[in-house]
Amino acid sequence: MTIPGWNRKTPFQKEWEALCKREMAFLERRRLKKETALNQMLAQKVPEKLQHTLDAAFEKAFLLIFEKGTGIIEKTYRKEDLKNKHKVNLYADELYQNRKSLRVFSKNAAMAGAKNQIISGTAGIGMGFLGIGLPDIPVFTAMILKCIYEVALHYGFEYDSDAEKYFILLVIEGAVSYGEHLMEIDQRLEDFIRAPRLLQNYQPKEQIAKTSGMLSKELLYMKFLQGIPVVGVLGGAYDVIYMRQICEYAKMKYQKRFLYTYKVHA
């Protein structure tokens, strides 16, 4: 005889299992890189030096924003309100302890991601129409970080320390990686979630260079296309696609940190 409620999964277990399924689906989708017909066509037209130029542009953008731009990004949202909202939601979850109260965190993070995707897409398309490709890099980078910052706050995490910047850079690198490299980055993120600390001899500029290199490699053809007036609208529109991809991965990793920190390791 089965006793009602016996072996019934807790809200946390259900949420954890659903998250793990989404993560596995994300990793499986990016097991192999499939070049589109458009990328294959553009590969013969992109100047060889553009890759290096794009690498340098992303590196400069990350360094500038990390050193001087975070305060400017924070003017686009109410940081203290988001932190207080997280505390209220955390208290409500402790009180009700059901899946509805637990899913409030991911719902708020999803809303932040969707809003930033729209803003990024509008900016990318507008610059693409004008044929502005490389100058879009600082704006696009700032929008990526804005999205991740807001997601982090919704889950109760800061983003100013070197350790948090390392986590953020890994999230971005992983989101635009494929195959074995993605699996390697994903494991490093999993290790950080369980023990949030920097690696020995960690060099911030080296990690910025690695993340910038993966971003520029993934966006090379689209940023080249974005530099062509009118036609560049198509390249600019891809800002939305990559923003969605990065925000999706960020939401999963921050949700796992939240569940592990507040439910498993509490």
Protein backbone atom coordinates (compact mmCIF):
# COMPACT_ATOMS: atom_id res chain seq x y z
CA MET A 1 0.00 0.00 0.00
CA THR A 2 1.28 3.47 -0.92
CA ILE A 3 0.95 6.03 1.81
CA PRO A 4 -0.29 9.43 0.45
CA GLY A 5 2.59 11.91 0.35
CA TRP A 6 5.22 9.21 0.88
CA ASN A 7 8.31 9.92 -1.21
CA ARG A 8 6.69 13.09 -2.49
CA LYS A 9 9.32 15.46 -3.84
CA THR A 10 9.88 18.75 -2.07
CA PRO A 11 9.49 22.09 -3.95
CA PHE A 12 13.28 22.41 -3.88
CA GLN A 13 13.78 18.95 -5.42
CA LYS A 14 11.30 19.71 -8.20
CA GLU A 15 12.95 23.05 -8.96
CA TRP A 16 16.44 21.55 -8.87
CA GLU A 17 15.49 18.72 -11.22
CA ALA A 18 13.77 21.11 -13.65
CA LEU A 19 16.88 23.32 -13.64
CA CYS A 20 19.21 20.38 -14.29
CA LYS A 21 17.07 19.35 -17.28
CA ARG A 22 17.30 22.86 -18.75
CA GLU A 23 21.06 22.85 -18.24
CA MET A 24 21.44 19.48 -19.98
CA ALA A 25 19.30 20.69 -22.88
CA PHE A 26 21.45 23.82 -23.22
CA LEU A 27 24.68 21.79 -23.22
CA GLU A 28 23.29 19.31 -25.71
CA ARG A 29 22.20 22.08 -28.12
CA ARG A 30 25.75 23.39 -28.11
CA ARG A 31 27.52 20.05 -28.33
CA LEU A 32 28.56 20.83 -31.90
CA LYS A 33 28.85 24.13 -33.72
CA LYS A 34 26.86 24.30 -36.94
CA GLU A 35 27.96 27.02 -39.32
CA THR A 36 25.10 28.74 -41.11
CA ALA A 37 25.08 29.37 -44.86
CA LEU A 38 25.37 33.09 -44.12
CA ASN A 39 28.50 32.59 -42.00
CA GLN A 40 30.05 30.42 -44.68
CA MET A 41 29.43 33.13 -47.26
CA LEU A 42 30.80 35.92 -45.03
CA ALA A 43 33.90 33.90 -44.09
CA GLN A 44 35.41 34.70 -47.47
CA LYS A 45 34.73 38.41 -47.17
CA VAL A 46 35.85 39.21 -43.61
CA PRO A 47 39.32 40.84 -43.42
CA GLU A 48 41.85 38.70 -41.55
CA LYS A 49 42.77 41.49 -39.13
CA LEU A 50 39.15 41.99 -38.04
CA GLN A 51 39.33 39.12 -35.54
CA HIS A 52 42.24 40.74 -33.71
CA THR A 53 40.51 44.12 -33.82
CA LEU A 54 37.34 42.60 -32.37
CA ASP A 55 39.31 40.80 -29.63
CA ALA A 56 40.90 44.07 -28.59
CA ALA A 57 37.56 45.92 -28.69
CA PHE A 58 35.90 43.45 -26.31
CA GLU A 59 38.92 43.41 -23.97
CA LYS A 60 38.94 47.19 -23.81
CA ALA A 61 35.17 47.26 -23.18
CA PHE A 62 35.37 44.78 -20.27
CA LEU A 63 38.33 46.56 -18.68
CA LEU A 64 36.69 49.96 -18.99
CA ILE A 65 33.34 48.83 -17.61
CA PHE A 66 34.82 46.82 -14.74
CA GLU A 67 37.05 49.73 -13.75
CA LYS A 68 34.79 52.73 -14.36
CA GLY A 69 31.48 51.72 -15.92
CA THR A 70 29.64 49.66 -13.31
CA GLY A 71 28.41 52.78 -11.55
CA ILE A 72 26.98 54.08 -14.82
CA ILE A 73 25.21 50.77 -15.48
CA GLU A 74 23.74 50.88 -11.97
CA LYS A 75 22.01 54.15 -12.83
CA THR A 76 19.75 52.15 -15.17
CA TYR A 77 18.13 50.18 -12.33
CA ARG A 78 17.47 50.57 -8.60
CA LYS A 79 20.11 48.37 -7.00
CA GLU A 80 18.94 48.79 -3.40
CA ASP A 81 15.33 48.11 -4.40
CA LEU A 82 16.36 44.86 -6.08
CA LYS A 83 18.37 43.81 -3.02
CA ASN A 84 15.45 44.58 -0.71
CA LYS A 85 13.07 42.76 -3.05
CA HIS A 86 15.28 39.69 -2.84
CA LYS A 87 15.21 39.83 0.97
CA VAL A 88 11.40 40.07 0.97
CA ASN A 89 11.12 37.14 -1.45
CA LEU A 90 13.56 35.12 0.63
CA TYR A 91 11.49 35.72 3.75
CA ALA A 92 8.29 34.78 1.89
CA ASP A 93 9.88 31.54 0.71
CA GLU A 94 11.00 30.68 4.24
CA LEU A 95 7.43 31.32 5.37
CA TYR A 96 5.50 29.44 2.68
CA GLN A 97 8.10 26.91 1.50
CA ASN A 98 6.22 25.99 -1.66
CA ARG A 99 7.20 25.97 -5.31
CA LYS A 100 5.34 29.17 -6.04
CA SER A 101 7.37 31.15 -3.51
CA LEU A 102 10.57 29.49 -4.78
CA ARG A 103 9.87 30.30 -8.41
CA VAL A 104 9.46 34.02 -7.73
CA PHE A 105 13.25 34.40 -7.94
CA SER A 106 13.54 32.82 -11.40
CA LYS A 107 10.45 34.72 -12.60
CA ASN A 108 11.98 38.06 -11.63
CA ALA A 109 15.32 37.11 -13.22
CA ALA A 110 13.53 36.11 -16.43
CA MET A 111 11.74 39.48 -16.60
CA ALA A 112 15.06 41.30 -16.19
CA GLY A 113 16.58 39.22 -18.98
CA ALA A 114 13.69 39.84 -21.38
CA LYS A 115 13.79 43.60 -20.78
CA ASN A 116 17.50 43.82 -21.49
CA GLN A 117 17.19 41.71 -24.62
CA ILE A 118 14.69 44.19 -26.05
CA ILE A 119 16.94 47.15 -25.25
CA SER A 120 19.99 45.42 -26.73
CA GLY A 121 18.10 44.46 -29.89
CA THR A 122 16.83 47.97 -30.44
CA ALA A 123 20.34 49.41 -30.07
CA GLY A 124 21.92 46.76 -32.31
CA ILE A 125 19.39 47.18 -35.10
CA GLY A 126 19.66 50.97 -34.96
CA MET A 127 23.46 50.89 -35.19
CA GLY A 128 23.28 48.25 -37.91
CA PHE A 129 21.05 50.48 -40.03
CA LEU A 130 23.69 53.20 -39.75
CA GLY A 131 26.51 50.78 -40.51
CA ILE A 132 28.03 50.99 -37.03
CA GLY A 133 29.70 47.69 -36.15
CA LEU A 134 32.78 47.94 -33.93
CA PRO A 135 31.55 51.04 -32.01
CA ASP A 136 28.60 48.87 -30.91
CA ILE A 137 30.95 46.63 -28.87
CA PRO A 138 31.04 48.79 -25.69
CA VAL A 139 27.25 49.17 -25.78
CA PHE A 140 26.68 45.46 -26.35
CA THR A 141 29.17 44.53 -23.62
CA ALA A 142 27.52 46.94 -21.19
CA MET A 143 24.11 45.42 -21.95
CA ILE A 144 25.45 41.90 -21.31
CA LEU A 145 26.83 42.97 -17.95
CA LYS A 146 23.66 44.93 -17.10
CA CYS A 147 21.59 41.80 -17.67
CA ILE A 148 23.90 39.63 -15.57
CA TYR A 149 24.11 42.23 -12.79
CA GLU A 150 20.32 42.36 -12.50
CA VAL A 151 20.00 38.57 -12.59
CA ALA A 152 22.65 38.33 -9.84
CA LEU A 153 20.78 40.81 -7.63
CA HIS A 154 17.48 38.97 -8.07
CA TYR A 155 19.19 35.86 -6.70
CA GLY A 156 20.94 37.73 -3.88
CA PHE A 157 24.48 37.97 -5.24
CA GLU A 158 26.81 40.93 -5.67
CA TYR A 159 29.07 41.47 -8.68
CA ASP A 160 31.86 43.86 -7.63
CA SER A 161 34.58 41.57 -6.25
CA ASP A 162 37.27 39.89 -8.36
CA ALA A 163 35.72 36.50 -7.55
CA GLU A 164 32.30 37.60 -8.81
CA LYS A 165 33.80 39.14 -11.95
CA TYR A 166 35.55 35.82 -12.57
CA PHE A 167 32.22 34.01 -12.29
CA ILE A 168 30.57 36.51 -14.66
CA LEU A 169 33.35 36.18 -17.24
CA LEU A 170 33.07 32.38 -17.11
CA VAL A 171 29.30 32.61 -17.61
CA ILE A 172 29.77 34.76 -20.71
CA GLU A 173 32.55 32.56 -22.07
CA GLY A 174 30.53 29.42 -21.49
CA ALA A 175 27.40 30.84 -23.11
CA VAL A 176 29.21 31.37 -26.44
CA SER A 177 31.29 28.17 -26.36
CA TYR A 178 30.72 24.72 -27.80
CA GLY A 179 31.59 21.10 -27.18
CA GLU A 180 34.49 20.20 -24.91
CA HIS A 181 35.37 23.82 -24.20
CA LEU A 182 31.83 24.50 -23.01
CA MET A 183 31.92 21.41 -20.80
CA GLU A 184 35.22 22.59 -19.30
CA ILE A 185 33.84 26.07 -18.54
CA ASP A 186 30.62 24.60 -17.19
CA GLN A 187 32.58 22.43 -14.78
CA ARG A 188 34.58 25.43 -13.58
CA LEU A 189 31.31 27.22 -12.90
CA GLU A 190 30.00 24.19 -11.01
CA ASP A 191 33.18 24.15 -8.92
CA PHE A 192 32.78 27.85 -8.14
CA ILE A 193 29.15 27.35 -7.10
CA ARG A 194 30.24 24.79 -4.53
CA ALA A 195 33.34 26.72 -3.42
CA PRO A 196 33.19 30.39 -4.51
CA ARG A 197 36.82 31.37 -4.62
CA LEU A 198 39.45 32.39 -7.14
CA LEU A 199 41.97 29.97 -8.57
CA GLN A 200 45.57 30.29 -7.44
CA ASN A 201 47.57 32.76 -9.53
CA TYR A 202 44.37 34.06 -11.11
CA GLN A 203 45.02 36.94 -13.49
CA PRO A 204 41.91 39.04 -14.28
CA LYS A 205 43.28 40.34 -17.60
CA GLU A 206 43.97 36.79 -18.79
CA GLN A 207 40.38 35.75 -18.13
CA ILE A 208 39.08 38.91 -19.79
CA ALA A 209 41.20 38.06 -22.84
CA LYS A 210 39.82 34.49 -22.96
CA THR A 211 36.21 35.64 -22.64
CA SER A 212 36.73 38.41 -25.19
CA GLY A 213 38.30 35.95 -27.61
CA MET A 214 35.31 33.59 -27.44
CA LEU A 215 32.86 36.48 -27.84
CA SER A 216 34.66 37.97 -30.82
CA LYS A 217 35.04 34.57 -32.47
CA GLU A 218 31.31 33.92 -32.14
CA LEU A 219 30.23 37.40 -33.23
CA LEU A 220 32.88 38.00 -35.91
CA TYR A 221 30.67 37.63 -38.97
CA MET A 222 27.69 39.45 -37.52
CA LYS A 223 29.76 42.45 -36.41
CA PHE A 224 31.33 42.58 -39.87
CA LEU A 225 27.86 42.58 -41.41
CA GLN A 226 26.66 45.19 -38.93
CA GLY A 227 29.30 47.57 -40.26
CA ILE A 228 27.53 47.77 -43.63
CA PRO A 229 24.80 50.47 -43.74
CA VAL A 230 21.19 49.22 -44.00
CA VAL A 231 22.25 45.58 -44.52
CA GLY A 232 23.82 45.83 -41.08
CA VAL A 233 20.34 45.64 -39.57
CA LEU A 234 20.61 41.87 -39.86
CA GLY A 235 23.92 41.83 -38.03
CA GLY A 236 22.58 44.15 -35.34
CA ALA A 237 19.53 41.95 -34.89
CA TYR A 238 21.81 39.12 -33.81
CA ASP A 239 22.57 41.12 -30.66
CA VAL A 240 19.19 39.89 -29.39
CA ILE A 241 20.03 36.27 -30.16
CA TYR A 242 23.35 36.37 -28.32
CA MET A 243 21.92 38.40 -25.46
CA ARG A 244 19.18 35.79 -25.01
CA GLN A 245 21.76 32.99 -25.10
CA ILE A 246 24.03 34.64 -22.53
CA CYS A 247 21.16 35.66 -20.26
CA GLU A 248 19.69 32.16 -20.42
CA TYR A 249 22.96 30.60 -19.29
CA ALA A 250 23.45 33.27 -16.63
CA LYS A 251 19.96 32.68 -15.20
CA MET A 252 20.58 28.95 -14.93
CA LYS A 253 23.95 29.34 -13.21
CA TYR A 254 22.76 32.00 -10.77
CA GLN A 255 19.65 29.97 -10.01
CA LYS A 256 21.86 26.97 -9.23
CA ARG A 257 24.04 29.15 -6.98
CA PHE A 258 20.93 30.38 -5.21
CA LEU A 259 19.47 26.91 -4.71
CA TYR A 260 22.80 25.51 -3.57
CA THR A 261 23.59 28.41 -1.25
CA TYR A 262 20.18 28.86 0.36
CA LYS A 263 18.76 25.34 0.18
CA VAL A 264 21.61 22.84 0.06
CA HIS A 265 24.45 24.56 1.83
CA ALA A 266 22.40 26.66 4.26
